[in-house]
């Protein structure tokens, strides 16, 4: 039974078992009663076929999704780049120890 939203033929799907995704692929077949369907809405039962997956177990959950390609604007790209550079700068602040100098000297230099 579709619990939320809707299932649409040819959408992406995850098979979730015990909280972990065990398969990601494509929903290739969707049936309502015995008729082929393009979509099934919440509250209705349906049959499904998933590309290259037959390892179903009782309790498996199917999560359907659509992948939407979106072009980023210049502003979005700038924000993403700035936050990435800030993260790199934050992770780069480390104490550099000269391996050719004995550790006792390196310790006194760090103070």
Protein backbone atom coordinates (compact mmCIF):
# COMPACT_ATOMS: atom_id res chain seq x y z
CA UNK A 1 0.00 0.00 0.00
CA UNK A 2 1.21 3.50 -0.80
CA UNK A 3 1.40 5.29 2.57
CA UNK A 4 2.40 8.81 1.48
CA UNK A 5 2.61 10.73 -1.77
CA UNK A 6 2.49 8.65 -4.92
CA UNK A 7 4.46 6.04 -6.84
CA UNK A 8 5.25 6.89 -10.45
CA UNK A 9 6.46 4.38 -13.04
CA UNK A 10 10.15 4.83 -13.96
CA UNK A 11 10.96 6.82 -10.80
CA UNK A 12 13.97 5.98 -8.64
CA UNK A 13 13.48 3.82 -5.57
CA UNK A 14 15.30 2.57 -2.49
CA UNK A 15 14.52 -0.71 -0.77
CA UNK A 16 15.03 -0.17 2.96
CA UNK A 17 15.46 -3.13 5.31
CA UNK A 18 15.94 -2.69 9.06
CA UNK A 19 16.77 1.00 8.56
CA UNK A 20 19.46 0.42 5.89
CA UNK A 21 19.17 0.87 2.13
CA UNK A 22 19.79 -2.56 0.55
CA UNK A 23 19.03 -1.56 -3.04
CA UNK A 24 18.76 1.60 -5.13
CA UNK A 25 17.33 1.39 -8.61
CA UNK A 26 14.35 2.08 -10.82
CA UNK A 27 10.65 1.22 -10.48
CA UNK A 28 9.99 -0.33 -13.90
CA UNK A 29 6.51 -1.82 -13.49
CA UNK A 30 3.45 -0.54 -11.67
CA UNK A 31 0.06 -2.28 -11.59
CA UNK A 32 -3.27 -1.40 -10.05
CA UNK A 33 -5.51 -4.50 -9.84
CA UNK A 34 -4.36 -6.22 -13.08
CA UNK A 35 -3.99 -3.10 -15.19
CA UNK A 36 -0.73 -1.31 -15.90
CA UNK A 37 -0.59 2.06 -14.18
CA UNK A 38 1.54 5.17 -14.63
CA UNK A 39 1.07 6.24 -11.00
CA UNK A 40 -0.61 5.11 -7.78
CA UNK A 41 -1.59 7.59 -5.07
CA UNK A 42 -1.55 7.27 -1.27
CA UNK A 43 -4.09 4.89 0.24
CA UNK A 44 -4.16 2.47 -2.70
CA UNK A 45 -2.59 -0.95 -3.08
CA UNK A 46 -0.48 -1.82 -6.09
CA UNK A 47 2.00 -4.27 -7.50
CA UNK A 48 5.48 -3.13 -8.46
CA UNK A 49 8.46 -4.36 -10.39
CA UNK A 50 11.91 -3.06 -9.54
CA UNK A 51 14.80 -3.27 -12.00
CA UNK A 52 17.31 -6.06 -11.15
CA UNK A 53 15.98 -6.79 -7.65
CA UNK A 54 14.17 -9.91 -6.45
CA UNK A 55 15.45 -10.26 -2.87
CA UNK A 56 12.27 -9.07 -1.14
CA UNK A 57 11.69 -9.82 2.53
CA UNK A 58 8.69 -9.20 4.75
CA UNK A 59 8.93 -5.69 6.21
CA UNK A 60 10.93 -4.15 3.35
CA UNK A 61 10.05 -0.50 2.73
CA UNK A 62 10.10 1.08 -0.72
CA UNK A 63 11.03 4.76 -0.89
CA UNK A 64 10.33 6.36 -4.26
CA UNK A 65 12.08 9.51 -5.48
CA UNK A 66 12.64 11.65 -8.54
CA UNK A 67 16.05 13.00 -9.47
CA UNK A 68 15.77 16.59 -10.67
CA UNK A 69 18.68 18.25 -12.45
CA UNK A 70 18.95 21.90 -11.52
CA UNK A 71 21.35 24.48 -12.87
CA UNK A 72 22.96 26.49 -10.10
CA UNK A 73 22.87 30.25 -10.25
CA UNK A 74 26.05 32.25 -9.85
CA UNK A 75 24.94 33.26 -6.33
CA UNK A 76 24.39 29.61 -5.28
CA UNK A 77 27.78 28.62 -6.67
CA UNK A 78 29.48 31.48 -4.80
CA UNK A 79 27.90 30.50 -1.48
CA UNK A 80 28.84 26.83 -1.95
CA UNK A 81 32.41 27.69 -2.94
CA UNK A 82 32.83 30.09 -0.01
CA UNK A 83 31.58 27.55 2.53
CA UNK A 84 33.83 24.84 1.03
CA UNK A 85 36.87 27.12 1.24
CA UNK A 86 36.02 28.01 4.85
CA UNK A 87 35.79 24.30 5.73
CA UNK A 88 39.16 23.61 4.09
CA UNK A 89 40.76 26.54 5.91
CA UNK A 90 39.36 25.36 9.25
CA UNK A 91 40.66 21.82 8.75
CA UNK A 92 44.07 23.08 7.57
CA UNK A 93 44.92 24.81 10.86
CA UNK A 94 47.14 22.19 12.46
CA UNK A 95 50.50 22.27 14.22
CA UNK A 96 53.29 21.26 11.87
CA UNK A 97 56.07 19.33 13.51
CA UNK A 98 59.48 19.06 11.88
CA UNK A 99 60.27 15.32 11.80
CA UNK A 100 64.03 15.94 11.49
CA UNK A 101 64.14 17.72 14.88
CA UNK A 102 64.04 15.61 18.08
CA UNK A 103 60.62 15.52 19.74
CA UNK A 104 61.87 17.37 22.84
CA UNK A 105 62.81 20.35 20.64
CA UNK A 106 59.47 20.20 18.80
CA UNK A 107 57.64 20.25 22.16
CA UNK A 108 59.48 23.36 23.31
CA UNK A 109 58.79 25.12 20.00
CA UNK A 110 55.05 24.48 20.27
CA UNK A 111 54.87 26.41 23.57
